[in-house]
Amino acid sequence: VIDTNLTSSIPLASFFKIFYKKKTVEQGAATTVYCALKPGLENESGRYFNDSTVTNLADKWTDNDLNIFWEWTEKVIRERTANLS
């Protein structure tokens, strides 16, 4: 979890911060920058990187888990942005 105020209005995100190590913005960006600049990663599309290392999530998440989380995320975004237009 990146230590920013972006999730301050989402109660569940605050809950997750209790259990996950917080990272600075720089630490949070490090893996993205690594993947963008590391020679040889051009063909690694679709892989999950954590702390600049390929990580296998297959043992941790099922497609159903991810689908439920995706739908929840869309719902929260719709609710939180409904009054912005």
PDB file of N, CA and C in Angstrom:
ATOM      1  N   VAL A   1       0.855  -1.159   0.000  1.00  0.00           N
ATOM      2  CA  VAL A   1       0.000   0.000   0.000  1.00  0.00           C
ATOM      3  C   VAL A   1       0.901   1.222   0.000  1.00  0.00           C
ATOM      4  N   ILE A   2       0.648   2.104  -0.954  1.00  0.00           N
ATOM      5  CA  ILE A   2       1.445   3.322  -1.058  1.00  0.00           C
ATOM      6  C   ILE A   2       0.894   4.347  -0.072  1.00  0.00           C
ATOM      7  N   ASP A   3       1.758   5.004   0.635  1.00  0.00           N
ATOM      8  CA  ASP A   3       1.363   5.952   1.671  1.00  0.00           C
ATOM      9  C   ASP A   3       1.004   7.304   1.057  1.00  0.00           C
ATOM     10  N   THR A   4      -0.232   7.400   0.529  1.00  0.00           N
ATOM     11  CA  THR A   4      -0.759   8.658   0.001  1.00  0.00           C
ATOM     12  C   THR A   4      -2.143   8.875   0.598  1.00  0.00           C
ATOM     13  N   ASN A   5      -2.746  10.006   0.282  1.00  0.00           N
ATOM     14  CA  ASN A   5      -4.104  10.294   0.753  1.00  0.00           C
ATOM     15  C   ASN A   5      -5.165   9.844  -0.241  1.00  0.00           C
ATOM     16  N   LEU A   6      -4.781   9.204  -1.329  1.00  0.00           N
ATOM     17  CA  LEU A   6      -5.738   8.822  -2.367  1.00  0.00           C
ATOM     18  C   LEU A   6      -6.828   7.891  -1.857  1.00  0.00           C
ATOM     19  N   THR A   7      -6.525   7.080  -0.873  1.00  0.00           N
ATOM     20  CA  THR A   7      -7.513   6.116  -0.387  1.00  0.00           C
ATOM     21  C   THR A   7      -8.147   6.538   0.936  1.00  0.00           C
ATOM     22  N   SER A   8      -7.939   7.770   1.336  1.00  0.00           N
ATOM     23  CA  SER A   8      -8.418   8.191   2.654  1.00  0.00           C
ATOM     24  C   SER A   8      -9.936   8.156   2.792  1.00  0.00           C
ATOM     25  N   SER A   9     -10.669   8.269   1.685  1.00  0.00           N
ATOM     26  CA  SER A   9     -12.133   8.264   1.774  1.00  0.00           C
ATOM     27  C   SER A   9     -12.733   6.884   1.533  1.00  0.00           C
ATOM     28  N   ILE A  10     -11.897   5.875   1.406  1.00  0.00           N
ATOM     29  CA  ILE A  10     -12.386   4.519   1.161  1.00  0.00           C
ATOM     30  C   ILE A  10     -12.100   3.680   2.404  1.00  0.00           C
ATOM     31  N   PRO A  11     -13.132   3.366   3.178  1.00  0.00           N
ATOM     32  CA  PRO A  11     -12.908   2.650   4.446  1.00  0.00           C
ATOM     33  C   PRO A  11     -12.156   1.331   4.296  1.00  0.00           C
ATOM     34  N   LEU A  12     -12.455   0.555   3.273  1.00  0.00           N
ATOM     35  CA  LEU A  12     -11.789  -0.731   3.112  1.00  0.00           C
ATOM     36  C   LEU A  12     -10.296  -0.553   2.853  1.00  0.00           C
ATOM     37  N   ALA A  13      -9.936   0.482   2.105  1.00  0.00           N
ATOM     38  CA  ALA A  13      -8.518   0.733   1.843  1.00  0.00           C
ATOM     39  C   ALA A  13      -7.784   1.043   3.144  1.00  0.00           C
ATOM     40  N   SER A  14      -8.420   1.792   4.019  1.00  0.00           N
ATOM     41  CA  SER A  14      -7.808   2.083   5.319  1.00  0.00           C
ATOM     42  C   SER A  14      -7.613   0.804   6.117  1.00  0.00           C
ATOM     43  N   PHE A  15      -8.564  -0.098   6.014  1.00  0.00           N
ATOM     44  CA  PHE A  15      -8.466  -1.391   6.687  1.00  0.00           C
ATOM     45  C   PHE A  15      -7.236  -2.156   6.202  1.00  0.00           C
ATOM     46  N   PHE A  16      -7.015  -2.178   4.873  1.00  0.00           N
ATOM     47  CA  PHE A  16      -5.877  -2.901   4.321  1.00  0.00           C
ATOM     48  C   PHE A  16      -4.549  -2.307   4.771  1.00  0.00           C
ATOM     49  N   LYS A  17      -4.503  -1.005   4.990  1.00  0.00           N
ATOM     50  CA  LYS A  17      -3.259  -0.374   5.421  1.00  0.00           C
ATOM     51  C   LYS A  17      -2.777  -0.924   6.757  1.00  0.00           C
ATOM     52  N   ILE A  18      -3.691  -1.423   7.563  1.00  0.00           N
ATOM     53  CA  ILE A  18      -3.320  -1.990   8.857  1.00  0.00           C
ATOM     54  C   ILE A  18      -2.459  -3.235   8.665  1.00  0.00           C
ATOM     55  N   PHE A  19      -2.773  -4.027   7.647  1.00  0.00           N
ATOM     56  CA  PHE A  19      -2.131  -5.327   7.466  1.00  0.00           C
ATOM     57  C   PHE A  19      -0.950  -5.318   6.500  1.00  0.00           C
ATOM     58  N   TYR A  20      -0.858  -4.314   5.667  1.00  0.00           N
ATOM     59  CA  TYR A  20       0.205  -4.283   4.673  1.00  0.00           C
ATOM     60  C   TYR A  20       1.223  -3.210   5.013  1.00  0.00           C
ATOM     61  N   LYS A  21       2.463  -3.526   4.724  1.00  0.00           N
ATOM     62  CA  LYS A  21       3.541  -2.574   4.927  1.00  0.00           C
ATOM     63  C   LYS A  21       3.332  -1.389   3.984  1.00  0.00           C
ATOM     64  N   LYS A  22       3.373  -0.213   4.526  1.00  0.00           N
ATOM     65  CA  LYS A  22       3.233   0.973   3.689  1.00  0.00           C
ATOM     66  C   LYS A  22       4.555   1.258   2.991  1.00  0.00           C
ATOM     67  N   LYS A  23       4.439   1.757   1.771  1.00  0.00           N
ATOM     68  CA  LYS A  23       5.616   2.161   1.015  1.00  0.00           C
ATOM     69  C   LYS A  23       5.535   3.656   0.748  1.00  0.00           C
ATOM     70  N   THR A  24       6.696   4.276   0.616  1.00  0.00           N
ATOM     71  CA  THR A  24       6.717   5.665   0.188  1.00  0.00           C
ATOM     72  C   THR A  24       6.317   5.708  -1.280  1.00  0.00           C
ATOM     73  N   VAL A  25       6.024   6.891  -1.775  1.00  0.00           N
ATOM     74  CA  VAL A  25       5.683   7.035  -3.188  1.00  0.00           C
ATOM     75  C   VAL A  25       6.848   6.542  -4.050  1.00  0.00           C
ATOM     76  N   GLU A  26       8.064   6.874  -3.650  1.00  0.00           N
ATOM     77  CA  GLU A  26       9.245   6.449  -4.404  1.00  0.00           C
ATOM     78  C   GLU A  26       9.361   4.925  -4.429  1.00  0.00           C
ATOM     79  N   GLN A  27       9.153   4.288  -3.283  1.00  0.00           N
ATOM     80  CA  GLN A  27       9.203   2.823  -3.224  1.00  0.00           C
ATOM     81  C   GLN A  27       8.081   2.213  -4.062  1.00  0.00           C
ATOM     82  N   GLY A  28       6.916   2.829  -4.021  1.00  0.00           N
ATOM     83  CA  GLY A  28       5.786   2.325  -4.795  1.00  0.00           C
ATOM     84  C   GLY A  28       6.010   2.436  -6.292  1.00  0.00           C
ATOM     85  N   ALA A  29       6.718   3.462  -6.725  1.00  0.00           N
ATOM     86  CA  ALA A  29       6.986   3.663  -8.145  1.00  0.00           C
ATOM     87  C   ALA A  29       8.158   2.826  -8.642  1.00  0.00           C
ATOM     88  N   ALA A  30       8.979   2.336  -7.752  1.00  0.00           N
ATOM     89  CA  ALA A  30      10.221   1.660  -8.135  1.00  0.00           C
ATOM     90  C   ALA A  30      10.000   0.474  -9.067  1.00  0.00           C
ATOM     91  N   THR A  31       9.010  -0.368  -8.801  1.00  0.00           N
ATOM     92  CA  THR A  31       8.786  -1.545  -9.641  1.00  0.00           C
ATOM     93  C   THR A  31       8.309  -1.140 -11.025  1.00  0.00           C
ATOM     94  N   THR A  32       7.441  -0.132 -11.105  1.00  0.00           N
ATOM     95  CA  THR A  32       6.969   0.344 -12.405  1.00  0.00           C
ATOM     96  C   THR A  32       8.129   0.890 -13.227  1.00  0.00           C
ATOM     97  N   VAL A  33       8.976   1.679 -12.591  1.00  0.00           N
ATOM     98  CA  VAL A  33      10.141   2.234 -13.284  1.00  0.00           C
ATOM     99  C   VAL A  33      11.084   1.110 -13.700  1.00  0.00           C
ATOM    100  N   TYR A  34      11.303   0.160 -12.817  1.00  0.00           N
ATOM    101  CA  TYR A  34      12.152  -0.995 -13.128  1.00  0.00           C
ATOM    102  C   TYR A  34      11.638  -1.712 -14.375  1.00  0.00           C
ATOM    103  N   CYS A  35      10.350  -2.008 -14.398  1.00  0.00           N
ATOM    104  CA  CYS A  35       9.770  -2.748 -15.527  1.00  0.00           C
ATOM    105  C   CYS A  35       9.828  -1.939 -16.823  1.00  0.00           C
ATOM    106  N   ALA A  36       9.709  -0.634 -16.717  1.00  0.00           N
ATOM    107  CA  ALA A  36       9.750   0.213 -17.908  1.00  0.00           C
ATOM    108  C   ALA A  36      11.156   0.321 -18.488  1.00  0.00           C
ATOM    109  N   LEU A  37      12.159   0.245 -17.651  1.00  0.00           N
ATOM    110  CA  LEU A  37      13.529   0.510 -18.097  1.00  0.00           C
ATOM    111  C   LEU A  37      14.438  -0.707 -18.183  1.00  0.00           C
ATOM    112  N   LYS A  38      14.067  -1.815 -17.575  1.00  0.00           N
ATOM    113  CA  LYS A  38      14.936  -2.995 -17.533  1.00  0.00           C
ATOM    114  C   LYS A  38      15.026  -3.652 -18.903  1.00  0.00           C
ATOM    115  N   PRO A  39      16.221  -3.723 -19.481  1.00  0.00           N
ATOM    116  CA  PRO A  39      16.374  -4.418 -20.762  1.00  0.00           C
ATOM    117  C   PRO A  39      15.980  -5.892 -20.624  1.00  0.00           C
ATOM    118  N   GLY A  40      15.299  -6.412 -21.632  1.00  0.00           N
ATOM    119  CA  GLY A  40      14.927  -7.816 -21.643  1.00  0.00           C
ATOM    120  C   GLY A  40      13.527  -8.104 -21.141  1.00  0.00           C
ATOM    121  N   LEU A  41      12.819  -7.095 -20.663  1.00  0.00           N
ATOM    122  CA  LEU A  41      11.466  -7.336 -20.160  1.00  0.00           C
ATOM    123  C   LEU A  41      10.386  -7.063 -21.212  1.00  0.00           C
ATOM    124  N   GLU A  42      10.798  -6.798 -22.435  1.00  0.00           N
ATOM    125  CA  GLU A  42       9.834  -6.473 -23.488  1.00  0.00           C
ATOM    126  C   GLU A  42       8.809  -7.580 -23.708  1.00  0.00           C
ATOM    127  N   ASN A  43       9.182  -8.823 -23.480  1.00  0.00           N
ATOM    128  CA  ASN A  43       8.293  -9.962 -23.722  1.00  0.00           C
ATOM    129  C   ASN A  43       7.671 -10.519 -22.442  1.00  0.00           C
ATOM    130  N   GLU A  44       7.681  -9.753 -21.389  1.00  0.00           N
ATOM    131  CA  GLU A  44       7.140 -10.212 -20.107  1.00  0.00           C
ATOM    132  C   GLU A  44       5.733  -9.667 -19.861  1.00  0.00           C
ATOM    133  N   SER A  45       4.982  -9.429 -20.895  1.00  0.00           N
ATOM    134  CA  SER A  45       3.627  -8.892 -20.773  1.00  0.00           C
ATOM    135  C   SER A  45       2.727  -9.827 -19.970  1.00  0.00           C
ATOM    136  N   GLY A  46       1.919  -9.247 -19.091  1.00  0.00           N
ATOM    137  CA  GLY A  46       0.984 -10.041 -18.310  1.00  0.00           C
ATOM    138  C   GLY A  46       1.553 -10.626 -17.036  1.00  0.00           C
ATOM    139  N   ARG A  47       2.807 -10.433 -16.789  1.00  0.00           N
ATOM    140  CA  ARG A  47       3.428 -10.953 -15.561  1.00  0.00           C
ATOM    141  C   ARG A  47       3.180  -9.968 -14.429  1.00  0.00           C
ATOM    142  N   TYR A  48       3.196 -10.452 -13.190  1.00  0.00           N
ATOM    143  CA  TYR A  48       3.025  -9.599 -12.016  1.00  0.00           C
ATOM    144  C   TYR A  48       4.374  -9.442 -11.331  1.00  0.00           C
ATOM    145  N   PHE A  49       4.755  -8.195 -11.131  1.00  0.00           N
ATOM    146  CA  PHE A  49       6.016  -7.891 -10.460  1.00  0.00           C
ATOM    147  C   PHE A  49       5.725  -7.276  -9.099  1.00  0.00           C
ATOM    148  N   ASN A  50       6.439  -7.750  -8.088  1.00  0.00           N
ATOM    149  CA  ASN A  50       6.342  -7.199  -6.746  1.00  0.00           C
ATOM    150  C   ASN A  50       7.756  -6.921  -6.263  1.00  0.00           C
ATOM    151  N   ASP A  51       8.019  -5.693  -5.884  1.00  0.00           N
ATOM    152  CA  ASP A  51       9.368  -5.287  -5.478  1.00  0.00           C
ATOM    153  C   ASP A  51      10.399  -5.681  -6.532  1.00  0.00           C
ATOM    154  N   SER A  52      10.081  -5.373  -7.781  1.00  0.00           N
ATOM    155  CA  SER A  52      10.959  -5.599  -8.938  1.00  0.00           C
ATOM    156  C   SER A  52      11.279  -7.069  -9.184  1.00  0.00           C
ATOM    157  N   THR A  53      10.425  -7.957  -8.735  1.00  0.00           N
ATOM    158  CA  THR A  53      10.614  -9.392  -8.914  1.00  0.00           C
ATOM    159  C   THR A  53       9.327 -10.010  -9.441  1.00  0.00           C
ATOM    160  N   VAL A  54       9.449 -10.931 -10.421  1.00  0.00           N
ATOM    161  CA  VAL A  54       8.271 -11.639 -10.916  1.00  0.00           C
ATOM    162  C   VAL A  54       7.691 -12.460  -9.776  1.00  0.00           C
ATOM    163  N   THR A  55       6.392 -12.327  -9.574  1.00  0.00           N
ATOM    164  CA  THR A  55       5.703 -13.030  -8.495  1.00  0.00           C
ATOM    165  C   THR A  55       4.552 -13.823  -9.079  1.00  0.00           C
ATOM    166  N   ASN A  56       4.387 -15.037  -8.631  1.00  0.00           N
ATOM    167  CA  ASN A  56       3.291 -15.879  -9.095  1.00  0.00           C
ATOM    168  C   ASN A  56       2.108 -15.718  -8.152  1.00  0.00           C
ATOM    169  N   LEU A  57       1.017 -15.174  -8.671  1.00  0.00           N
ATOM    170  CA  LEU A  57      -0.176 -14.985  -7.854  1.00  0.00           C
ATOM    171  C   LEU A  57      -1.156 -16.135  -7.980  1.00  0.00           C
ATOM    172  N   ALA A  58      -0.861 -17.084  -8.838  1.00  0.00           N
ATOM    173  CA  ALA A  58      -1.807 -18.175  -9.098  1.00  0.00           C
ATOM    174  C   ALA A  58      -2.185 -18.930  -7.833  1.00  0.00           C
ATOM    175  N   ASP A  59      -1.271 -19.040  -6.904  1.00  0.00           N
ATOM    176  CA  ASP A  59      -1.557 -19.776  -5.678  1.00  0.00           C
ATOM    177  C   ASP A  59      -2.359 -18.959  -4.668  1.00  0.00           C
ATOM    178  N   LYS A  60      -2.422 -17.653  -4.869  1.00  0.00           N
ATOM    179  CA  LYS A  60      -3.045 -16.785  -3.878  1.00  0.00           C
ATOM    180  C   LYS A  60      -4.448 -16.332  -4.268  1.00  0.00           C
ATOM    181  N   TRP A  61      -4.690 -16.134  -5.548  1.00  0.00           N
ATOM    182  CA  TRP A  61      -5.959 -15.577  -6.008  1.00  0.00           C
ATOM    183  C   TRP A  61      -6.570 -16.464  -7.081  1.00  0.00           C
ATOM    184  N   THR A  62      -7.875 -16.609  -7.025  1.00  0.00           N
ATOM    185  CA  THR A  62      -8.584 -17.312  -8.092  1.00  0.00           C
ATOM    186  C   THR A  62      -9.205 -16.271  -9.013  1.00  0.00           C
ATOM    187  N   ASP A  63      -9.600 -16.693 -10.213  1.00  0.00           N
ATOM    188  CA  ASP A  63     -10.271 -15.778 -11.129  1.00  0.00           C
ATOM    189  C   ASP A  63     -11.534 -15.214 -10.490  1.00  0.00           C
ATOM    190  N   ASN A  64     -12.237 -16.030  -9.727  1.00  0.00           N
ATOM    191  CA  ASN A  64     -13.450 -15.558  -9.065  1.00  0.00           C
ATOM    192  C   ASN A  64     -13.124 -14.476  -8.037  1.00  0.00           C
ATOM    193  N   ASP A  65     -12.055 -14.668  -7.258  1.00  0.00           N
ATOM    194  CA  ASP A  65     -11.636 -13.649  -6.293  1.00  0.00           C
ATOM    195  C   ASP A  65     -11.348 -12.330  -7.002  1.00  0.00           C
ATOM    196  N   LEU A  66     -10.601 -12.421  -8.088  1.00  0.00           N
ATOM    197  CA  LEU A  66     -10.232 -11.221  -8.826  1.00  0.00           C
ATOM    198  C   LEU A  66     -11.451 -10.554  -9.449  1.00  0.00           C
ATOM    199  N   ASN A  67     -12.393 -11.344  -9.944  1.00  0.00           N
ATOM    200  CA  ASN A  67     -13.605 -10.791 -10.528  1.00  0.00           C
ATOM    201  C   ASN A  67     -14.427 -10.054  -9.472  1.00  0.00           C
ATOM    202  N   ILE A  68     -14.552 -10.637  -8.296  1.00  0.00           N
ATOM    203  CA  ILE A  68     -15.287  -9.992  -7.205  1.00  0.00           C
ATOM    204  C   ILE A  68     -14.616  -8.670  -6.832  1.00  0.00           C
ATOM    205  N   PHE A  69     -13.298  -8.685  -6.719  1.00  0.00           N
ATOM    206  CA  PHE A  69     -12.574  -7.466  -6.374  1.00  0.00           C
ATOM    207  C   PHE A  69     -12.727  -6.412  -7.460  1.00  0.00           C
ATOM    208  N   TRP A  70     -12.650  -6.820  -8.727  1.00  0.00           N
ATOM    209  CA  TRP A  70     -12.803  -5.892  -9.852  1.00  0.00           C
ATOM    210  C   TRP A  70     -14.182  -5.237  -9.812  1.00  0.00           C
ATOM    211  N   GLU A  71     -15.222  -6.029  -9.629  1.00  0.00           N
ATOM    212  CA  GLU A  71     -16.582  -5.491  -9.583  1.00  0.00           C
ATOM    213  C   GLU A  71     -16.759  -4.540  -8.404  1.00  0.00           C
ATOM    214  N   TRP A  72     -16.191  -4.892  -7.255  1.00  0.00           N
ATOM    215  CA  TRP A  72     -16.261  -4.012  -6.090  1.00  0.00           C
ATOM    216  C   TRP A  72     -15.555  -2.691  -6.377  1.00  0.00           C
ATOM    217  N   THR A  73     -14.389  -2.756  -7.015  1.00  0.00           N
ATOM    218  CA  THR A  73     -13.631  -1.555  -7.345  1.00  0.00           C
ATOM    219  C   THR A  73     -14.429  -0.647  -8.267  1.00  0.00           C
ATOM    220  N   GLU A  74     -15.032  -1.216  -9.312  1.00  0.00           N
ATOM    221  CA  GLU A  74     -15.848  -0.416 -10.225  1.00  0.00           C
ATOM    222  C   GLU A  74     -17.012   0.245  -9.491  1.00  0.00           C
ATOM    223  N   LYS A  75     -17.645  -0.484  -8.602  1.00  0.00           N
ATOM    224  CA  LYS A  75     -18.781   0.044  -7.831  1.00  0.00           C
ATOM    225  C   LYS A  75     -18.340   1.228  -6.971  1.00  0.00           C
ATOM    226  N   VAL A  76     -17.235   1.081  -6.269  1.00  0.00           N
ATOM    227  CA  VAL A  76     -16.743   2.155  -5.407  1.00  0.00           C
ATOM    228  C   VAL A  76     -16.379   3.378  -6.236  1.00  0.00           C
ATOM    229  N   ILE A  77     -15.727   3.176  -7.361  1.00  0.00           N
ATOM    230  CA  ILE A  77     -15.345   4.305  -8.214  1.00  0.00           C
ATOM    231  C   ILE A  77     -16.585   5.020  -8.728  1.00  0.00           C
ATOM    232  N   ARG A  78     -17.593   4.261  -9.177  1.00  0.00           N
ATOM    233  CA  ARG A  78     -18.844   4.878  -9.642  1.00  0.00           C
ATOM    234  C   ARG A  78     -19.481   5.705  -8.527  1.00  0.00           C
ATOM    235  N   GLU A  79     -19.552   5.137  -7.332  1.00  0.00           N
ATOM    236  CA  GLU A  79     -20.169   5.837  -6.204  1.00  0.00           C
ATOM    237  C   GLU A  79     -19.404   7.105  -5.836  1.00  0.00           C
ATOM    238  N   ARG A  80     -18.084   7.011  -5.816  1.00  0.00           N
ATOM    239  CA  ARG A  80     -17.260   8.145  -5.383  1.00  0.00           C
ATOM    240  C   ARG A  80     -17.144   9.233  -6.437  1.00  0.00           C
ATOM    241  N   THR A  81     -17.390   8.900  -7.696  1.00  0.00           N
ATOM    242  CA  THR A  81     -17.249   9.897  -8.760  1.00  0.00           C
ATOM    243  C   THR A  81     -18.586  10.350  -9.328  1.00  0.00           C
ATOM    244  N   ALA A  82     -19.686   9.851  -8.797  1.00  0.00           N
ATOM    245  CA  ALA A  82     -21.015  10.168  -9.332  1.00  0.00           C
ATOM    246  C   ALA A  82     -21.298  11.669  -9.321  1.00  0.00           C
ATOM    247  N   ASN A  83     -20.832  12.377  -8.335  1.00  0.00           N
ATOM    248  CA  ASN A  83     -21.119  13.808  -8.207  1.00  0.00           C
ATOM    249  C   ASN A  83     -20.066  14.698  -8.856  1.00  0.00           C
ATOM    250  N   LEU A  84     -19.106  14.125  -9.533  1.00  0.00           N
ATOM    251  CA  LEU A  84     -18.031  14.922 -10.127  1.00  0.00           C
ATOM    252  C   LEU A  84     -18.390  15.506 -11.488  1.00  0.00           C
ATOM    253  N   SER A  85     -19.403  14.935 -12.167  1.00  0.00           N
ATOM    254  CA  SER A  85     -19.712  15.448 -13.499  1.00  0.00           C
ATOM    255  C   SER A  85     -20.701  16.566 -13.479  1.00  0.00           C
TER     256      SER A  85
END
